[in-house]
Protein backbone atom coordinates (compact mmCIF):
# COMPACT_ATOMS: atom_id res chain seq x y z
CA UNK A 1 9.41 -51.62 15.74
CA UNK A 2 11.29 -50.90 18.97
CA UNK A 3 14.21 -53.05 20.12
CA UNK A 4 12.70 -52.97 23.62
CA UNK A 5 9.32 -54.41 22.59
CA UNK A 6 7.89 -57.91 22.73
CA UNK A 7 7.04 -57.63 19.02
CA UNK A 8 10.70 -57.18 18.17
CA UNK A 9 11.70 -60.15 20.35
CA UNK A 10 9.34 -62.42 18.40
CA UNK A 11 10.48 -60.88 15.10
CA UNK A 12 14.16 -61.42 15.88
CA UNK A 13 13.78 -65.01 17.11
CA UNK A 14 11.91 -65.98 13.93
CA UNK A 15 14.46 -64.19 11.73
CA UNK A 16 17.40 -65.77 13.58
CA UNK A 17 16.19 -69.35 13.20
CA UNK A 18 15.17 -68.98 9.55
CA UNK A 19 18.49 -67.25 8.79
CA UNK A 20 20.58 -70.10 10.19
CA UNK A 21 18.54 -73.01 8.79
CA UNK A 22 21.05 -75.12 6.77
CA UNK A 23 18.74 -75.58 3.75
CA UNK A 24 18.37 -71.78 3.48
CA UNK A 25 22.04 -70.88 3.83
CA UNK A 26 22.27 -69.71 0.24
CA UNK A 27 19.36 -67.34 0.91
CA UNK A 28 20.78 -65.61 3.98
CA UNK A 29 21.15 -62.22 2.31
CA UNK A 30 17.61 -62.09 0.83
CA UNK A 31 16.23 -63.27 4.20
CA UNK A 32 17.89 -60.40 6.05
CA UNK A 33 16.89 -57.85 3.41
CA UNK A 34 13.25 -58.99 3.58
CA UNK A 35 13.35 -59.00 7.39
CA UNK A 36 14.83 -55.49 7.37
CA UNK A 37 12.10 -54.16 5.08
CA UNK A 38 9.43 -55.70 7.34
CA UNK A 39 11.17 -54.18 10.38
CA UNK A 40 11.28 -50.71 8.82
CA UNK A 41 7.71 -50.73 7.50
CA UNK A 42 6.11 -52.13 10.64
CA UNK A 43 4.81 -48.80 11.97
CA UNK A 44 4.66 -46.71 8.80
CA UNK A 45 4.49 -48.85 5.63
CA UNK A 46 4.25 -45.83 3.30
CA UNK A 47 7.73 -44.62 4.30
CA UNK A 48 9.20 -47.87 2.98
CA UNK A 49 8.82 -46.39 -0.51
CA UNK A 50 11.44 -43.72 0.21
CA UNK A 51 13.89 -46.27 1.63
CA UNK A 52 13.49 -48.44 -1.48
CA UNK A 53 14.01 -45.39 -3.72
CA UNK A 54 17.19 -44.55 -1.82
CA UNK A 55 18.46 -48.12 -2.25
CA UNK A 56 17.71 -48.12 -5.99
CA UNK A 57 19.38 -44.73 -6.57
CA UNK A 58 22.53 -45.64 -4.65
CA UNK A 59 22.72 -49.07 -6.25
CA UNK A 60 22.38 -47.71 -9.78
CA UNK A 61 24.76 -44.75 -9.43
CA UNK A 62 27.45 -46.67 -7.53
CA UNK A 63 27.25 -49.45 -10.13
CA UNK A 64 27.81 -46.88 -12.87
CA UNK A 65 30.79 -45.43 -10.96
CA UNK A 66 32.31 -48.89 -10.69
CA UNK A 67 31.66 -49.86 -14.33
CA UNK A 68 32.75 -46.58 -15.95
CA UNK A 69 36.27 -46.65 -17.36
CA UNK A 70 36.78 -42.90 -17.66
CA UNK A 71 37.39 -40.81 -14.56
CA UNK A 72 35.09 -37.99 -15.66
CA UNK A 73 32.16 -40.40 -15.99
CA UNK A 74 32.93 -41.92 -12.60
CA UNK A 75 32.88 -38.46 -11.04
CA UNK A 76 29.69 -37.58 -12.94
CA UNK A 77 27.76 -40.59 -11.60
CA UNK A 78 29.11 -40.08 -8.06
CA UNK A 79 28.04 -36.42 -8.11
CA UNK A 80 24.61 -37.35 -9.48
CA UNK A 81 24.11 -39.92 -6.71
CA UNK A 82 25.31 -37.60 -3.95
CA UNK A 83 23.15 -34.73 -5.27
CA UNK A 84 20.03 -36.92 -5.30
CA UNK A 85 20.78 -38.17 -1.76
CA UNK A 86 21.19 -34.63 -0.45
CA UNK A 87 18.09 -33.42 -2.32
CA UNK A 88 15.88 -36.14 -0.85
CA UNK A 89 17.24 -35.53 2.65
CA UNK A 90 16.79 -31.76 2.28
CA UNK A 91 13.23 -32.11 0.99
CA UNK A 92 11.95 -34.36 3.75
CA UNK A 93 14.02 -33.07 6.63
CA UNK A 94 14.36 -29.37 5.86
CA UNK A 95 11.46 -28.72 3.47
CA UNK A 96 9.13 -27.48 6.19
CA UNK A 97 11.79 -25.21 7.74
CA UNK A 98 12.74 -23.68 4.37
CA UNK A 99 9.07 -23.23 3.48
CA UNK A 100 8.41 -21.43 6.77
CA UNK A 101 11.33 -19.11 6.01
CA UNK A 102 9.90 -18.43 2.54
CA UNK A 103 6.45 -17.69 3.98
CA UNK A 104 7.90 -15.35 6.61
CA UNK A 105 9.93 -13.41 4.05
CA UNK A 106 7.56 -13.21 1.09
CA UNK A 107 4.05 -11.88 0.58
CA UNK A 108 3.11 -14.38 -2.10
CA UNK A 109 3.38 -17.70 -0.30
CA UNK A 110 -0.01 -19.01 0.79
CA UNK A 111 0.24 -21.64 3.56
CA UNK A 112 -3.06 -23.17 2.40
CA UNK A 113 -2.06 -23.62 -1.24
CA UNK A 114 -1.47 -27.17 -2.44
CA UNK A 115 2.30 -27.43 -2.76
CA UNK A 116 3.01 -25.11 0.20
CA UNK A 117 0.68 -27.12 2.43
CA UNK A 118 2.34 -30.34 1.26
CA UNK A 119 5.83 -29.02 2.02
CA UNK A 120 4.74 -27.87 5.48
CA UNK A 121 3.33 -31.31 6.31
CA UNK A 122 5.89 -33.68 4.82
CA UNK A 123 6.55 -36.64 7.14
CA UNK A 124 10.06 -37.15 8.53
CA UNK A 125 11.02 -40.71 7.51
CA UNK A 126 12.62 -42.45 10.45
CA UNK A 127 16.35 -43.06 10.00
CA UNK A 128 16.63 -40.96 6.83
CA UNK A 129 19.69 -39.08 8.10
CA UNK A 130 21.48 -42.36 8.76
CA UNK A 131 20.73 -44.23 5.55
CA UNK A 132 21.35 -41.12 3.42
CA UNK A 133 24.85 -40.76 4.86
CA UNK A 134 25.48 -44.45 4.18
CA UNK A 135 24.44 -44.00 0.56
CA UNK A 136 26.88 -41.10 0.20
CA UNK A 137 29.57 -43.23 1.86
CA UNK A 138 29.01 -45.95 -0.74
CA UNK A 139 29.43 -43.54 -3.65
CA UNK A 140 32.52 -41.85 -2.23
CA UNK A 141 34.17 -45.14 -1.27
CA UNK A 142 33.55 -46.74 -4.68
CA UNK A 143 34.92 -43.64 -6.43
CA UNK A 144 37.98 -43.59 -4.16
CA UNK A 145 38.54 -47.28 -4.74
CA UNK A 146 38.38 -46.88 -8.52
CA UNK A 147 41.04 -44.16 -8.35
CA UNK A 148 43.32 -45.81 -5.79
CA UNK A 149 46.83 -47.04 -6.75
CA UNK A 150 45.50 -50.61 -6.69
CA UNK A 151 41.88 -50.33 -7.93
CA UNK A 152 39.54 -53.25 -7.59
CA UNK A 153 35.81 -53.92 -7.78
CA UNK A 154 35.42 -55.68 -4.41
CA UNK A 155 32.61 -53.34 -3.31
CA UNK A 156 30.58 -53.79 -6.47
CA UNK A 157 29.57 -57.11 -8.00
CA UNK A 158 29.84 -57.27 -11.82
CA UNK A 159 26.21 -58.43 -11.76
CA UNK A 160 23.86 -55.50 -11.09
CA UNK A 161 21.22 -57.57 -9.34
CA UNK A 162 23.81 -58.99 -6.94
CA UNK A 163 25.06 -55.44 -6.31
CA UNK A 164 21.47 -54.32 -5.72
CA UNK A 165 21.05 -57.12 -3.18
CA UNK A 166 24.33 -56.24 -1.43
CA UNK A 167 23.45 -52.54 -1.34
CA UNK A 168 19.94 -53.27 -0.05
CA UNK A 169 21.55 -55.20 2.77
CA UNK A 170 24.18 -52.52 3.47
CA UNK A 171 21.62 -49.73 3.75
CA UNK A 172 18.62 -51.57 5.22
CA UNK A 173 20.28 -54.05 7.64
CA UNK A 174 17.82 -53.66 10.52
CA UNK A 175 20.14 -53.52 13.59
CA UNK A 176 21.66 -50.20 12.44
CA UNK A 177 18.91 -48.93 10.12
CA UNK A 178 17.06 -46.55 12.44
CA UNK A 179 19.82 -44.90 14.48
CA UNK A 180 23.18 -46.24 13.37
CA UNK A 181 26.03 -46.75 13.85
CA UNK A 182 26.55 -45.15 10.44
CA UNK A 183 28.32 -47.70 8.28
CA UNK A 184 31.02 -47.14 5.68
CA UNK A 185 30.92 -49.26 2.54
CA UNK A 186 34.64 -50.01 2.62
CA UNK A 187 34.29 -51.61 6.04
CA UNK A 188 30.98 -53.43 5.59
CA UNK A 189 30.91 -54.87 2.05
CA UNK A 190 33.94 -57.15 2.63
CA UNK A 191 31.96 -58.82 5.46
CA UNK A 192 29.17 -60.00 3.15
CA UNK A 193 29.54 -63.78 3.03
CA UNK A 194 27.79 -66.94 4.28
CA UNK A 195 27.52 -67.08 8.08
CA UNK A 196 27.47 -70.09 10.40
CA UNK A 197 25.93 -70.40 13.83
CA UNK A 198 29.11 -72.01 15.18
CA UNK A 199 31.02 -68.77 14.50
CA UNK A 200 28.78 -66.51 16.59
CA UNK A 201 30.87 -64.60 19.22
CA UNK A 202 28.41 -65.31 22.02
CA UNK A 203 30.38 -63.40 24.65
CA UNK A 204 30.22 -60.19 22.59
CA UNK A 205 26.56 -60.78 21.77
CA UNK A 206 25.52 -61.41 25.36
CA UNK A 207 27.49 -58.57 26.96
CA UNK A 208 26.52 -56.03 24.29
CA UNK A 209 22.84 -56.87 24.59
CA UNK A 210 22.75 -56.91 28.39
CA UNK A 211 24.65 -53.62 28.78
CA UNK A 212 22.69 -52.04 25.91
CA UNK A 213 19.28 -53.01 27.25
CA UNK A 214 20.31 -52.02 30.78
CA UNK A 215 21.40 -48.55 29.64
CA UNK A 216 18.17 -48.07 27.70
CA UNK A 217 15.50 -49.76 29.81
CA UNK A 218 16.80 -49.22 33.34
CA UNK A 219 18.77 -45.97 33.09
CA UNK A 220 17.32 -43.93 30.20
CA UNK A 221 13.70 -45.05 30.54
CA UNK A 222 13.66 -44.31 34.28
CA UNK A 223 15.52 -41.00 34.01
CA UNK A 224 13.08 -39.72 31.37
CA UNK A 225 10.34 -39.49 34.02
CA UNK A 226 12.45 -36.96 35.93
CA UNK A 227 14.17 -35.07 33.11
CA UNK A 228 10.67 -34.46 31.74
CA UNK A 229 10.50 -31.56 34.18
CA UNK A 230 13.08 -29.62 32.18
CA UNK A 231 10.32 -29.13 29.63
CA UNK A 232 8.79 -25.68 29.27
CA UNK A 233 7.21 -24.28 31.44
CA UNK A 234 7.66 -26.85 34.22
CA UNK A 235 11.24 -25.83 35.05
CA UNK A 236 9.93 -22.53 36.45
CA UNK A 237 8.59 -24.48 39.43
CA UNK A 238 11.98 -25.85 40.50
CA UNK A 239 15.02 -24.32 42.14
CA UNK A 240 18.40 -23.82 40.52
CA UNK A 241 20.00 -26.90 42.08
CA UNK A 242 17.08 -29.13 41.11
CA UNK A 243 17.10 -27.89 37.51
CA UNK A 244 20.87 -28.38 37.28
CA UNK A 245 20.44 -31.95 38.54
CA UNK A 246 17.73 -32.48 35.92
CA UNK A 247 20.15 -31.24 33.25
CA UNK A 248 22.85 -33.56 34.61
CA UNK A 249 20.32 -36.40 34.46
CA UNK A 250 19.43 -35.57 30.86
CA UNK A 251 23.12 -35.78 29.90
CA UNK A 252 23.23 -39.23 31.46
CA UNK A 253 19.92 -40.16 29.83
CA UNK A 254 20.90 -39.18 26.30
CA UNK A 255 24.14 -41.14 26.63
CA UNK A 256 22.41 -44.20 28.09
CA UNK A 257 19.68 -44.05 25.45
CA UNK A 258 21.93 -43.69 22.41
CA UNK A 259 24.85 -45.81 23.62
CA UNK A 260 22.28 -48.41 24.65
CA UNK A 261 20.83 -48.49 21.13
CA UNK A 262 24.30 -48.77 19.59
CA UNK A 263 25.29 -51.67 21.86
CA UNK A 264 22.03 -53.49 21.12
CA UNK A 265 22.66 -52.99 17.40
CA UNK A 266 26.22 -54.31 17.75
CA UNK A 267 25.00 -57.36 19.68
CA UNK A 268 22.20 -58.16 17.23
CA UNK A 269 24.51 -57.78 14.22
CA UNK A 270 27.16 -59.98 15.87
CA UNK A 271 24.58 -62.71 16.41
CA UNK A 272 23.98 -62.63 12.64
CA UNK A 273 27.71 -62.71 11.85
CA UNK A 274 28.38 -59.02 11.16
CA UNK A 275 30.60 -56.53 12.94
CA UNK A 276 29.33 -52.97 13.42
CA UNK A 277 31.73 -50.22 14.52
CA UNK A 278 31.82 -49.01 18.12
CA UNK A 279 29.82 -45.81 18.45
CA UNK A 280 30.75 -44.72 21.98
CA UNK A 281 34.02 -44.95 23.85
CA UNK A 282 33.16 -43.68 27.35
CA UNK A 283 32.75 -40.04 26.23
CA UNK A 284 32.14 -38.60 29.68
CA UNK A 285 35.76 -39.14 30.73
CA UNK A 286 36.95 -36.79 27.98
CA UNK A 287 39.48 -34.19 29.07
CA UNK A 288 39.03 -31.98 26.01
CA UNK A 289 36.31 -31.25 23.46
CA UNK A 290 38.34 -32.83 20.68
CA UNK A 291 38.65 -35.99 22.77
CA UNK A 292 34.91 -35.88 23.44
CA UNK A 293 34.24 -35.94 19.69
CA UNK A 294 36.58 -38.90 19.30
CA UNK A 295 34.50 -40.75 21.88
CA UNK A 296 30.88 -39.58 21.24
CA UNK A 297 28.81 -40.82 18.28
CA UNK A 298 32.03 -42.02 16.68
CA UNK A 299 30.41 -43.16 13.44
CA UNK A 300 29.01 -39.64 12.81
CA UNK A 301 32.13 -37.74 13.89
CA UNK A 302 34.38 -39.93 11.72
CA UNK A 303 31.94 -39.63 8.79
CA UNK A 304 32.02 -35.83 9.07
CA UNK A 305 35.81 -35.94 9.35
CA UNK A 306 36.39 -38.28 6.39
CA UNK A 307 33.73 -37.03 3.99
CA UNK A 308 33.51 -33.33 4.89
CA UNK A 309 36.33 -31.98 7.06
CA UNK A 310 39.20 -33.59 5.10
CA UNK A 311 37.77 -32.70 1.66
CA UNK A 312 37.40 -29.08 2.86
CA UNK A 313 41.11 -29.08 3.63
CA UNK A 314 41.10 -30.08 7.30
CA UNK A 315 43.91 -28.34 9.13
CA UNK A 316 46.26 -28.33 6.13
CA UNK A 317 45.46 -24.87 4.78
CA UNK A 318 46.36 -22.54 7.62
CA UNK A 319 44.82 -21.59 10.96
CA UNK A 320 41.98 -19.41 9.66
CA UNK A 321 40.88 -22.05 7.19
CA UNK A 322 41.06 -24.70 9.93
CA UNK A 323 38.79 -22.68 12.21
CA UNK A 324 36.39 -22.05 9.33
CA UNK A 325 36.33 -25.75 8.44
CA UNK A 326 35.57 -26.63 12.06
CA UNK A 327 32.67 -24.19 12.13
CA UNK A 328 31.25 -25.42 8.81
CA UNK A 329 31.50 -29.09 9.78
CA UNK A 330 30.02 -28.67 13.27
CA UNK A 331 27.21 -26.41 12.05
CA UNK A 332 26.24 -28.94 9.37
CA UNK A 333 26.63 -31.69 11.97
CA UNK A 334 24.16 -29.80 14.15
CA UNK A 335 21.67 -29.38 11.30
CA UNK A 336 22.05 -33.11 10.53
CA UNK A 337 20.26 -33.70 13.84
CA UNK A 338 17.18 -31.71 12.90
CA UNK A 339 15.53 -28.90 10.98
CA UNK A 340 15.53 -26.33 13.76
CA UNK A 341 17.74 -23.34 14.41
CA UNK A 342 18.53 -24.72 17.87
CA UNK A 343 20.45 -27.60 16.27
CA UNK A 344 22.44 -25.17 14.16
CA UNK A 345 23.19 -23.16 17.32
CA UNK A 346 24.27 -26.40 19.02
CA UNK A 347 26.67 -27.10 16.15
CA UNK A 348 28.03 -23.53 16.22
CA UNK A 349 28.42 -23.80 20.00
CA UNK A 350 30.59 -26.92 19.67
CA UNK A 351 32.43 -25.47 16.67
CA UNK A 352 33.36 -22.37 18.68
CA UNK A 353 34.44 -24.59 21.57
CA UNK A 354 36.69 -26.71 19.35
CA UNK A 355 38.14 -23.62 17.65
CA UNK A 356 38.86 -21.94 21.00
CA UNK A 357 40.42 -25.12 22.36
CA UNK A 358 42.68 -25.42 19.31
CA UNK A 359 43.65 -21.73 19.57
CA UNK A 360 44.62 -21.86 23.25
CA UNK A 361 46.39 -25.22 22.80
CA UNK A 362 48.59 -23.65 20.10
CA UNK A 363 49.58 -20.87 22.53
CA UNK A 364 50.83 -23.43 25.07
CA UNK A 365 53.23 -25.23 22.72
CA UNK A 366 56.49 -23.99 24.20
CA UNK A 367 59.79 -25.91 24.51
CA UNK A 368 59.70 -28.25 27.48
CA UNK A 369 61.28 -26.97 30.68
CA UNK A 370 63.57 -29.80 31.77
CA UNK A 371 64.08 -28.21 35.20
CA UNK A 372 60.39 -28.22 36.02
CA UNK A 373 59.35 -30.74 38.66
CA UNK A 374 57.29 -33.59 37.26
CA UNK A 375 53.63 -33.53 38.22
CA UNK A 376 52.71 -36.40 40.52
CA UNK A 377 50.15 -38.86 39.29
CA UNK A 378 47.70 -37.78 42.02
CA UNK A 379 48.07 -34.14 41.03
CA UNK A 380 47.49 -35.20 37.44
CA UNK A 381 44.35 -37.07 38.51
CA UNK A 382 42.93 -33.95 40.17
CA UNK A 383 43.78 -31.82 37.13
CA UNK A 384 42.18 -34.36 34.79
CA UNK A 385 39.04 -34.54 36.94
CA UNK A 386 38.71 -30.76 36.69
CA UNK A 387 39.06 -31.00 32.90
CA UNK A 388 36.47 -33.79 32.74
CA UNK A 389 34.00 -31.76 34.80
CA UNK A 390 34.50 -28.76 32.50
CA UNK A 391 34.00 -30.79 29.30
CA UNK A 392 30.97 -32.57 30.78
CA UNK A 393 29.44 -29.26 31.87
CA UNK A 394 30.09 -27.72 28.45
CA UNK A 395 28.44 -30.71 26.74
CA UNK A 396 25.52 -30.79 29.17
CA UNK A 397 24.73 -27.15 28.49
CA UNK A 398 24.65 -28.02 24.80
CA UNK A 399 22.26 -30.94 25.39
CA UNK A 400 19.76 -28.37 26.64
CA UNK A 401 19.16 -27.52 22.96
CA UNK A 402 18.23 -31.16 22.33
CA UNK A 403 15.80 -31.25 25.23
CA UNK A 404 14.35 -27.83 24.33
CA UNK A 405 14.59 -27.51 20.52
CA UNK A 406 12.75 -24.17 20.63
CA UNK A 407 15.63 -21.75 21.18
CA UNK A 408 13.64 -19.31 23.31
CA UNK A 409 12.68 -22.07 25.76
CA UNK A 410 16.35 -22.92 26.31
CA UNK A 411 17.05 -19.23 26.98
CA UNK A 412 14.14 -19.10 29.43
CA UNK A 413 15.59 -22.13 31.23
CA UNK A 414 18.89 -20.30 31.75
CA UNK A 415 16.91 -17.36 33.08
CA UNK A 416 15.08 -19.67 35.50
CA UNK A 417 18.44 -20.89 36.84
CA UNK A 418 19.22 -17.30 37.88
CA UNK A 419 15.73 -16.37 39.02
CA UNK A 420 15.05 -19.48 41.11
CA UNK A 421 18.34 -19.64 42.98
CA UNK A 422 16.53 -19.05 46.27
CA UNK A 423 14.17 -22.02 45.90
CA UNK A 424 15.00 -25.08 48.00
CA UNK A 425 16.21 -28.29 46.31
CA UNK A 426 13.47 -30.85 45.65
CA UNK A 427 15.13 -33.95 47.07
CA UNK A 428 12.31 -36.29 46.05
CA UNK A 429 13.39 -35.62 42.45
CA UNK A 430 17.10 -35.12 42.96
CA UNK A 431 17.82 -38.43 44.71
CA UNK A 432 16.26 -40.70 42.05
CA UNK A 433 18.15 -38.83 39.31
CA UNK A 434 21.44 -39.33 41.15
CA UNK A 435 20.68 -42.99 41.88
CA UNK A 436 19.84 -43.83 38.26
CA UNK A 437 22.85 -41.81 37.03
CA UNK A 438 25.34 -43.54 39.34
CA UNK A 439 25.75 -46.73 37.21
CA UNK A 440 26.79 -44.64 34.19
CA UNK A 441 29.39 -42.80 36.30
CA UNK A 442 30.72 -46.13 37.61
CA UNK A 443 30.66 -47.51 34.05
CA UNK A 444 33.08 -44.77 32.96
CA UNK A 445 35.55 -44.72 35.87
CA UNK A 446 37.66 -47.85 35.06
CA UNK A 447 38.39 -46.44 31.60
CA UNK A 448 39.67 -43.08 32.85
CA UNK A 449 43.28 -42.95 31.54
CA UNK A 450 44.79 -41.41 34.69
CA UNK A 451 43.00 -43.94 36.88
CA UNK A 452 44.39 -46.75 34.73
CA UNK A 453 47.91 -45.36 35.26
CA UNK A 454 47.36 -45.42 39.02
CA UNK A 455 46.18 -49.02 38.82
CA UNK A 456 49.29 -50.02 36.86
CA UNK A 457 51.56 -48.32 39.35
CA UNK A 458 53.05 -50.55 42.08
CA UNK A 459 51.84 -53.69 40.24
CA UNK A 460 48.17 -52.94 40.90
CA UNK A 461 47.31 -53.50 37.23
CA UNK A 462 47.34 -57.31 37.35
CA UNK A 463 45.21 -57.34 40.48
CA UNK A 464 42.82 -54.79 38.95
CA UNK A 465 42.47 -56.88 35.79
CA UNK A 466 41.72 -60.08 37.68
CA UNK A 467 39.29 -58.35 40.02
CA UNK A 468 37.80 -56.48 37.07
CA UNK A 469 36.80 -59.69 35.31
CA UNK A 470 35.03 -60.93 38.43
CA UNK A 471 33.30 -57.59 38.99
CA UNK A 472 32.25 -57.46 35.34
CA UNK A 473 30.57 -60.84 35.59
CA UNK A 474 28.80 -59.78 38.79
CA UNK A 475 27.78 -56.48 37.17
CA UNK A 476 26.35 -58.30 34.12
CA UNK A 477 24.26 -60.47 36.43
CA UNK A 478 22.98 -57.45 38.37
CA UNK A 479 22.16 -55.60 35.14
CA UNK A 480 20.25 -58.58 33.79
CA UNK A 481 18.24 -58.79 37.00
CA UNK A 482 17.46 -55.05 36.94
CA UNK A 483 16.32 -55.26 33.31
CA UNK A 484 13.74 -57.81 34.43
CA UNK A 485 12.80 -56.11 37.70
CA UNK A 486 13.28 -52.36 37.36
CA UNK A 487 12.81 -51.28 33.74
CA UNK A 488 11.14 -47.94 33.15
CA UNK A 489 8.10 -47.47 30.96
CA UNK A 490 8.93 -48.23 27.34
CA UNK A 491 9.69 -45.28 25.07
CA UNK A 492 11.30 -44.92 21.66
CA UNK A 493 14.98 -44.04 21.44
CA UNK A 494 15.85 -40.32 21.50
CA UNK A 495 17.82 -40.49 18.25
CA UNK A 496 14.82 -41.85 16.33
CA UNK A 497 13.80 -38.22 15.80
CA UNK A 498 17.01 -37.54 13.87
């Protein structure tokens, strides 16, 4: 069920009014769990079985972690739960890839045999990467809580059936179920309580939904009709400039599509009384790759940091180990997106970029030269713009592996950029891409740190804030009108495939 469908609108309105009916207040949690299961099973009911299995496994193992008095038993149940989560994810997401590798490297595997055929044709359950990571988060957070200096059982009810209900809600809550944000148990479980319609933060709900739907329906859904031409072999028919504009447009599209989903999820959850974490913080104003990963898909990058990078040692065990940890984390982060070598290459690409950035930054850490003339704010702005363009270009080149998951097609695209340099730009395609991309560029500019410093200088900050509020209200009105008048053809969100 797509957020941008009439079916979902009807589904949400019905759920909202039943949820807030005073006689049913004590049933709010079961109502949302049932609604979430209906939402998930709408298109593929059979896949609901796997979601329910995941909920049962994580509920049972986390309950055992919480109830066990001995540390070794707590660790045992946490490891069991994590191992089952990873096994299920590996089977359904990477089973076909691993089976292909086995077939290619052995003489005994028969693609037509029963189990081999089954492994090659396993369905990819929608959202499995997201709800698996949330299950692991629950186990790790409960274990950490049990072994903290002030242990408590606030995550886990002493009654198993209540814990099962809470965990079902945590994992299956429909606003974030399909494509995040990825929730952490320690942040979400404390929110579980009765909700009242009078407490709804309507301003957050309205703005999140309008901006989210605008990014998805007006920007992403219109850009997809032009970025389609990056697909193999169509890019051979376009010149270098046109293909580069298409790639620029795809960078804008993937941001608008995913950030749009996250904002819609935040708005829907807020209307039901729950706070989801921000998932994007204007990533295309990043002046370094490390800053980019603090701003892009924040729930995934922080999950990888907290549950993988830090346990591996982070940057506490020397430079070589730090670089190795970066490569491991980013490679696994790439494979999290899909069972294709291109995603692993994408992760390695970003891992190498982060490692190189860290290496060169360490070379520049010299004592400050107090005699050096201070850089003017306008010079700093130009320097920061150059950095932003570099980081954006680096990221856009990486997105090519998302648009063209077959690695050879991405390589052919780079070859076409060189080969077709003499072809004239196709302005009938370029102009619409630039027009639909412009709102995202404007959306980022006010949050550019150097620009904010300029606005604060000479008392411009107060004026900018007052004007900003007026412009924001006008912008919300324009976006709402464009959603109604200029939405592109409906298409599922890009991150549904992950």
